[in-house]
Each structure stands twice: as C-alpha cells, then as structure tokens.
N, C-alpha and C. Protein backbone atom coordinates (compact mmCIF):
# COMPACT_ATOMS: atom_id res chain seq x y z
N LEU A 1 -94.40 103.76 -20.20
CA LEU A 1 -96.14 103.64 -19.75
C LEU A 1 -96.39 104.88 -18.41
N GLU A 2 -97.84 104.29 -18.74
CA GLU A 2 -98.26 105.47 -17.35
C GLU A 2 -99.73 105.15 -17.03
N VAL A 3 -100.11 103.75 -16.10
CA VAL A 3 -101.39 103.98 -16.05
C VAL A 3 -101.61 104.83 -14.63
N ARG A 4 -102.63 105.11 -14.20
CA ARG A 4 -103.34 106.52 -13.49
C ARG A 4 -104.48 105.74 -12.80
N LEU A 5 -105.13 105.37 -11.80
CA LEU A 5 -105.97 104.97 -10.47
C LEU A 5 -106.92 105.78 -9.64
N GLU A 6 -108.02 105.96 -9.80
CA GLU A 6 -108.31 107.33 -9.18
C GLU A 6 -109.40 105.67 -8.17
N LEU A 7 -108.80 106.25 -7.44
CA LEU A 7 -109.81 105.58 -6.21
C LEU A 7 -110.49 106.12 -5.14
N LYS A 8 -111.67 106.20 -5.32
CA LYS A 8 -113.48 106.82 -4.42
C LYS A 8 -113.55 106.69 -3.41
N ASP A 9 -113.26 105.00 -3.00
CA ASP A 9 -113.62 104.50 -1.68
C ASP A 9 -112.14 103.38 -1.47
N ASP A 10 -112.30 102.50 -0.17
CA ASP A 10 -111.39 101.57 0.06
C ASP A 10 -111.69 100.55 -0.48
N ARG A 11 -110.76 100.17 -1.28
CA ARG A 11 -109.98 98.89 -2.30
C ARG A 11 -109.30 98.62 -2.12
N ASP A 12 -109.23 96.90 -2.63
CA ASP A 12 -107.89 96.00 -3.17
C ASP A 12 -107.64 96.17 -4.39
N VAL A 13 -106.64 96.65 -4.69
CA VAL A 13 -106.15 96.65 -5.89
C VAL A 13 -105.29 95.23 -6.06
N THR A 14 -104.70 95.11 -7.00
CA THR A 14 -104.06 93.64 -7.27
C THR A 14 -104.05 94.22 -8.56
N LEU A 15 -102.51 94.42 -8.83
CA LEU A 15 -101.25 94.99 -10.34
C LEU A 15 -101.05 93.80 -10.81
N PHE A 16 -100.94 92.88 -12.09
CA PHE A 16 -99.94 92.29 -11.99
C PHE A 16 -98.76 92.84 -13.66
N LEU A 17 -97.93 92.84 -13.07
CA LEU A 17 -96.77 94.17 -14.12
C LEU A 17 -96.56 92.43 -15.46
N GLU A 18 -96.41 93.08 -16.37
CA GLU A 18 -95.38 92.08 -17.55
C GLU A 18 -94.59 91.71 -17.00
N HIS A 19 -93.99 90.61 -17.54
CA HIS A 19 -91.58 90.67 -17.53
C HIS A 19 -91.59 91.21 -18.49
N HIS A 20 -90.75 92.12 -18.26
CA HIS A 20 -89.08 92.74 -20.01
C HIS A 20 -88.12 92.21 -19.36
N ALA A 21 -87.10 92.39 -21.03
CA ALA A 21 -86.06 92.64 -20.56
C ALA A 21 -85.59 93.97 -20.76
N HIS A 22 -85.78 94.98 -19.95
CA HIS A 22 -85.18 96.37 -20.14
C HIS A 22 -85.42 96.70 -18.45
N GLU A 23 -84.44 97.49 -18.16
CA GLU A 23 -84.42 98.17 -16.60
C GLU A 23 -85.46 99.75 -17.14
N LEU A 24 -86.51 99.86 -15.87
CA LEU A 24 -86.82 101.62 -15.80
C LEU A 24 -86.44 102.45 -15.53
N ASP A 25 -86.53 103.49 -15.59
CA ASP A 25 -85.73 104.81 -15.65
C ASP A 25 -85.97 105.30 -13.82
N GLN A 26 -87.43 104.92 -13.25
CA GLN A 26 -87.78 105.05 -11.91
C GLN A 26 -89.37 104.24 -11.86
N PHE A 27 -89.23 104.35 -10.40
CA PHE A 27 -91.07 102.92 -10.26
C PHE A 27 -91.24 104.64 -9.39
N GLU A 28 -92.37 104.62 -9.94
CA GLU A 28 -92.77 105.81 -9.10
C GLU A 28 -94.41 105.71 -8.36
N LEU A 29 -94.90 105.78 -6.77
CA LEU A 29 -95.91 105.81 -6.58
C LEU A 29 -96.39 107.19 -5.47
N VAL A 30 -97.21 107.39 -5.51
CA VAL A 30 -97.52 108.50 -5.10
C VAL A 30 -98.56 109.03 -4.23
N ARG A 31 -99.08 109.06 -3.20
CA ARG A 31 -99.97 108.78 -2.47
C ARG A 31 -100.70 110.74 -2.89
N GLU A 32 -101.60 111.13 -3.23
CA GLU A 32 -101.79 113.06 -3.95
C GLU A 32 -102.41 113.64 -2.25
N ARG A 33 -103.55 112.87 -1.55
CA ARG A 33 -103.95 113.01 -0.77
C ARG A 33 -103.41 111.92 0.44
N PRO A 34 -103.33 113.33 1.15
CA PRO A 34 -103.09 112.58 2.63
C PRO A 34 -104.00 111.63 3.26
N ASP A 35 -103.89 110.56 4.17
CA ASP A 35 -104.83 110.30 4.62
C ASP A 35 -104.76 110.07 6.24
N GLU A 36 -104.83 110.37 7.24
CA GLU A 36 -104.46 110.58 8.81
C GLU A 36 -104.09 109.25 9.48
N ASN A 37 -105.25 108.34 8.71
CA ASN A 37 -105.60 106.65 9.36
C ASN A 37 -103.95 106.43 8.46
N VAL A 38 -102.91 106.29 7.94
CA VAL A 38 -102.68 106.15 7.28
C VAL A 38 -100.70 106.22 8.46
N GLY A 39 -99.93 104.89 7.76
CA GLY A 39 -98.78 106.01 8.94
C GLY A 39 -97.96 106.11 7.77
N HIS A 40 -96.86 106.85 7.73
CA HIS A 40 -96.21 107.59 6.29
C HIS A 40 -94.22 107.54 6.97
N SER A 41 -94.11 106.87 6.95
CA SER A 41 -92.35 107.00 7.04
C SER A 41 -91.77 107.31 5.93
N LYS A 42 -90.44 108.20 6.13
CA LYS A 42 -89.25 109.02 5.79
C LYS A 42 -88.40 108.55 6.68
N ALA A 43 -87.07 106.93 5.87
CA ALA A 43 -85.56 107.26 6.73
C ALA A 43 -84.38 107.74 6.21
N GLU A 44 -83.82 108.30 6.81
CA GLU A 44 -82.43 108.03 5.12
C GLU A 44 -81.72 108.26 6.60
N LEU A 45 -80.45 107.42 5.56
CA LEU A 45 -79.55 107.38 5.89
C LEU A 45 -77.59 108.42 5.67
N ASP A 46 -77.53 109.03 6.36
CA ASP A 46 -76.69 110.86 6.07
C ASP A 46 -75.25 110.70 6.37
N ARG A 47 -74.28 111.46 5.81
CA ARG A 47 -73.26 110.84 5.79
C ARG A 47 -72.70 111.07 7.32
N ALA A 48 -72.96 111.42 8.39
CA ALA A 48 -72.87 111.76 9.88
C ALA A 48 -73.16 109.99 9.93
N ALA A 49 -74.00 109.52 10.17
CA ALA A 49 -74.38 108.22 9.69
C ALA A 49 -73.92 107.56 9.73
N MET A 50 -73.29 107.32 8.44
CA MET A 50 -72.04 106.18 7.48
C MET A 50 -71.19 106.29 8.01
N ASP A 51 -70.58 107.80 9.10
CA ASP A 51 -69.54 107.72 8.82
C ASP A 51 -69.65 106.79 10.82
N ARG A 52 -70.54 107.31 10.54
CA ARG A 52 -69.96 106.37 12.72
C ARG A 52 -70.57 105.00 12.89
N SER A 53 -70.91 104.61 11.60
CA SER A 53 -71.00 103.26 11.18
C SER A 53 -69.79 102.41 10.83
N THR A 54 -68.39 103.18 11.15
CA THR A 54 -66.94 102.58 9.82
C THR A 54 -67.15 101.12 10.26
N GLY A 55 -66.23 100.74 9.32
CA GLY A 55 -66.36 98.86 8.94
C GLY A 55 -68.09 98.04 9.32
N ARG A 56 -68.36 98.81 9.26
CA ARG A 56 -70.29 98.13 8.57
C ARG A 56 -70.52 98.02 7.04
N THR A 57 -71.00 96.98 6.52
CA THR A 57 -71.48 97.05 5.05
C THR A 57 -72.65 97.89 4.81
N ILE A 58 -72.69 98.28 3.55
CA ILE A 58 -74.69 99.22 4.09
C ILE A 58 -75.68 98.60 4.20
N ALA A 59 -76.00 96.95 3.70
CA ALA A 59 -76.74 96.17 3.64
C ALA A 59 -76.39 95.78 6.00
N GLU A 60 -75.93 96.40 6.91
CA GLU A 60 -75.64 96.21 8.05
C GLU A 60 -76.19 97.49 8.58
N MET A 61 -76.05 98.92 7.52
CA MET A 61 -75.63 100.15 7.85
C MET A 61 -77.68 100.26 7.75
N LEU A 62 -78.55 99.79 6.85
CA LEU A 62 -79.80 100.15 6.67
C LEU A 62 -80.20 98.78 7.01
N ASP A 63 -79.84 97.50 8.07
CA ASP A 63 -80.23 96.77 8.87
C ASP A 63 -81.42 97.83 10.05
N GLY A 64 -80.56 98.90 10.18
CA GLY A 64 -82.01 99.29 11.51
C GLY A 64 -82.80 100.30 11.06
N ILE A 65 -83.06 100.90 9.78
CA ILE A 65 -83.75 101.02 9.37
C ILE A 65 -85.58 100.34 9.31
N ASN A 66 -86.50 101.08 9.93
CA ASN A 66 -87.93 100.44 10.04
C ASN A 66 -88.21 99.43 8.28
N GLY A 67 -88.73 98.67 8.27
CA GLY A 67 -88.59 98.11 7.36
C GLY A 67 -87.98 97.44 6.12
N VAL A 68 -87.08 97.74 6.89
CA VAL A 68 -85.38 96.62 6.19
C VAL A 68 -84.93 95.65 6.71
N ASP A 69 -84.71 94.55 6.50
CA ASP A 69 -84.62 93.08 6.92
C ASP A 69 -82.90 93.08 6.48
N LEU A 70 -82.20 91.99 6.66
CA LEU A 70 -81.57 91.83 6.28
C LEU A 70 -81.33 89.93 5.82
N GLN A 71 -81.24 89.07 4.57
CA GLN A 71 -80.91 88.09 3.98
C GLN A 71 -79.99 87.69 4.17
N GLN A 72 -79.71 86.62 4.80
CA GLN A 72 -78.41 86.43 5.28
C GLN A 72 -77.86 85.00 4.02
N SER A 73 -76.28 85.00 3.18
CA SER A 73 -76.47 83.68 2.30
C SER A 73 -75.25 83.42 2.59
N GLY A 74 -74.86 83.33 4.46
CA GLY A 74 -73.73 83.31 4.42
C GLY A 74 -73.03 83.82 5.26
N PRO A 75 -71.58 84.22 5.95
CA PRO A 75 -71.25 84.48 7.02
C PRO A 75 -70.81 85.84 6.97
N THR A 76 -70.77 86.10 5.79
CA THR A 76 -70.45 87.53 4.96
C THR A 76 -71.01 88.01 4.22
N ILE A 77 -72.05 87.09 3.54
CA ILE A 77 -72.90 87.91 2.85
C ILE A 77 -74.31 88.05 3.35
N SER A 78 -74.74 89.29 2.46
CA SER A 78 -76.41 89.50 2.96
C SER A 78 -76.73 91.11 1.91
N LYS A 79 -78.02 90.58 2.18
CA LYS A 79 -78.54 91.34 0.89
C LYS A 79 -80.02 91.59 2.13
N PRO A 80 -80.42 93.24 1.58
CA PRO A 80 -81.20 94.16 2.19
C PRO A 80 -82.63 93.49 1.85
N VAL A 81 -83.45 93.43 2.25
CA VAL A 81 -85.05 93.32 1.71
C VAL A 81 -85.52 94.67 2.13
N ILE A 82 -85.86 95.30 1.50
CA ILE A 82 -86.73 96.56 1.80
C ILE A 82 -88.19 96.42 1.46
N ARG A 83 -89.40 96.13 2.62
CA ARG A 83 -90.21 96.11 2.60
C ARG A 83 -90.66 95.03 1.37
N GLY A 84 -90.40 93.57 1.90
CA GLY A 84 -90.30 93.18 0.79
C GLY A 84 -89.80 92.52 -0.25
N LEU A 85 -89.07 94.09 -0.68
CA LEU A 85 -88.30 93.61 -1.73
C LEU A 85 -87.40 93.18 -2.36
N SER A 86 -86.62 92.67 -2.98
CA SER A 86 -84.99 92.12 -2.32
C SER A 86 -84.51 91.32 -3.91
N GLY A 87 -83.32 91.89 -4.10
CA GLY A 87 -82.42 91.31 -5.76
C GLY A 87 -82.93 92.02 -6.59
N ASN A 88 -83.17 91.98 -8.00
CA ASN A 88 -82.66 93.04 -9.09
C ASN A 88 -84.02 94.23 -8.40
N ARG A 89 -85.06 93.66 -7.39
CA ARG A 89 -86.05 94.56 -7.24
C ARG A 89 -85.65 95.65 -6.07
N VAL A 90 -84.51 95.92 -5.45
CA VAL A 90 -84.22 96.72 -4.84
C VAL A 90 -82.65 97.34 -5.79
N LEU A 91 -82.62 98.84 -5.51
CA LEU A 91 -81.35 98.66 -5.99
C LEU A 91 -80.66 99.88 -5.63
N LEU A 92 -79.21 99.57 -4.46
CA LEU A 92 -78.41 100.87 -3.63
C LEU A 92 -77.09 100.76 -4.98
N LEU A 93 -76.99 102.24 -4.06
CA LEU A 93 -76.36 103.20 -5.08
C LEU A 93 -74.94 103.45 -4.28
N ASN A 94 -73.54 103.30 -4.02
CA ASN A 94 -72.89 103.26 -3.43
C ASN A 94 -71.81 104.68 -3.85
C-alpha cells in the first residue's frame, strides 16, 4: 500500500491505520522539500561508541540520544521509547 499526500499549505493531518496481523518490510516518511523552519536531527550509535559503553544495555546506550527515553519495568528491565513509540512499534537489531 502506498499513499501520497501533497500538501500546499500548513495543515494538520491525522492518519488512522487499520490493524493487520502481518509485518511491514519498512515504513518510510520522507519530506522531499526541506523547510528551514523545521529542525532535522540524525543520530548514530557507531561501533566506537558501543565499545566505550561496555557493560551497558542497548537501551541504556540509546537513552543518551535526543528523542529517546527509557521505560523502566523493573530494576533490570528497560525498554526504549523513541519519539513516543515503543513496544512492537520499535525494532532494535543487535
């Protein structure tokens, strides 16, 4: 399924997606024309940063990145919340 929206002016758009029991290969949201008034950020956790963080969990390493918070579920259980998304909405590859 591919949906394209062309917005000419400032608009609020709310999309409601139907629940389906299959996995998507990927989800991509692309802004084709940059806007100087919108902040863009990109963060990477490279091998050197992971090596410096020996003894920390992946979630603890991600906690230092803007837009990432931790949801604590006990003393040793933490889950990343990335820009408000968590659980099955976030995929971590180790």
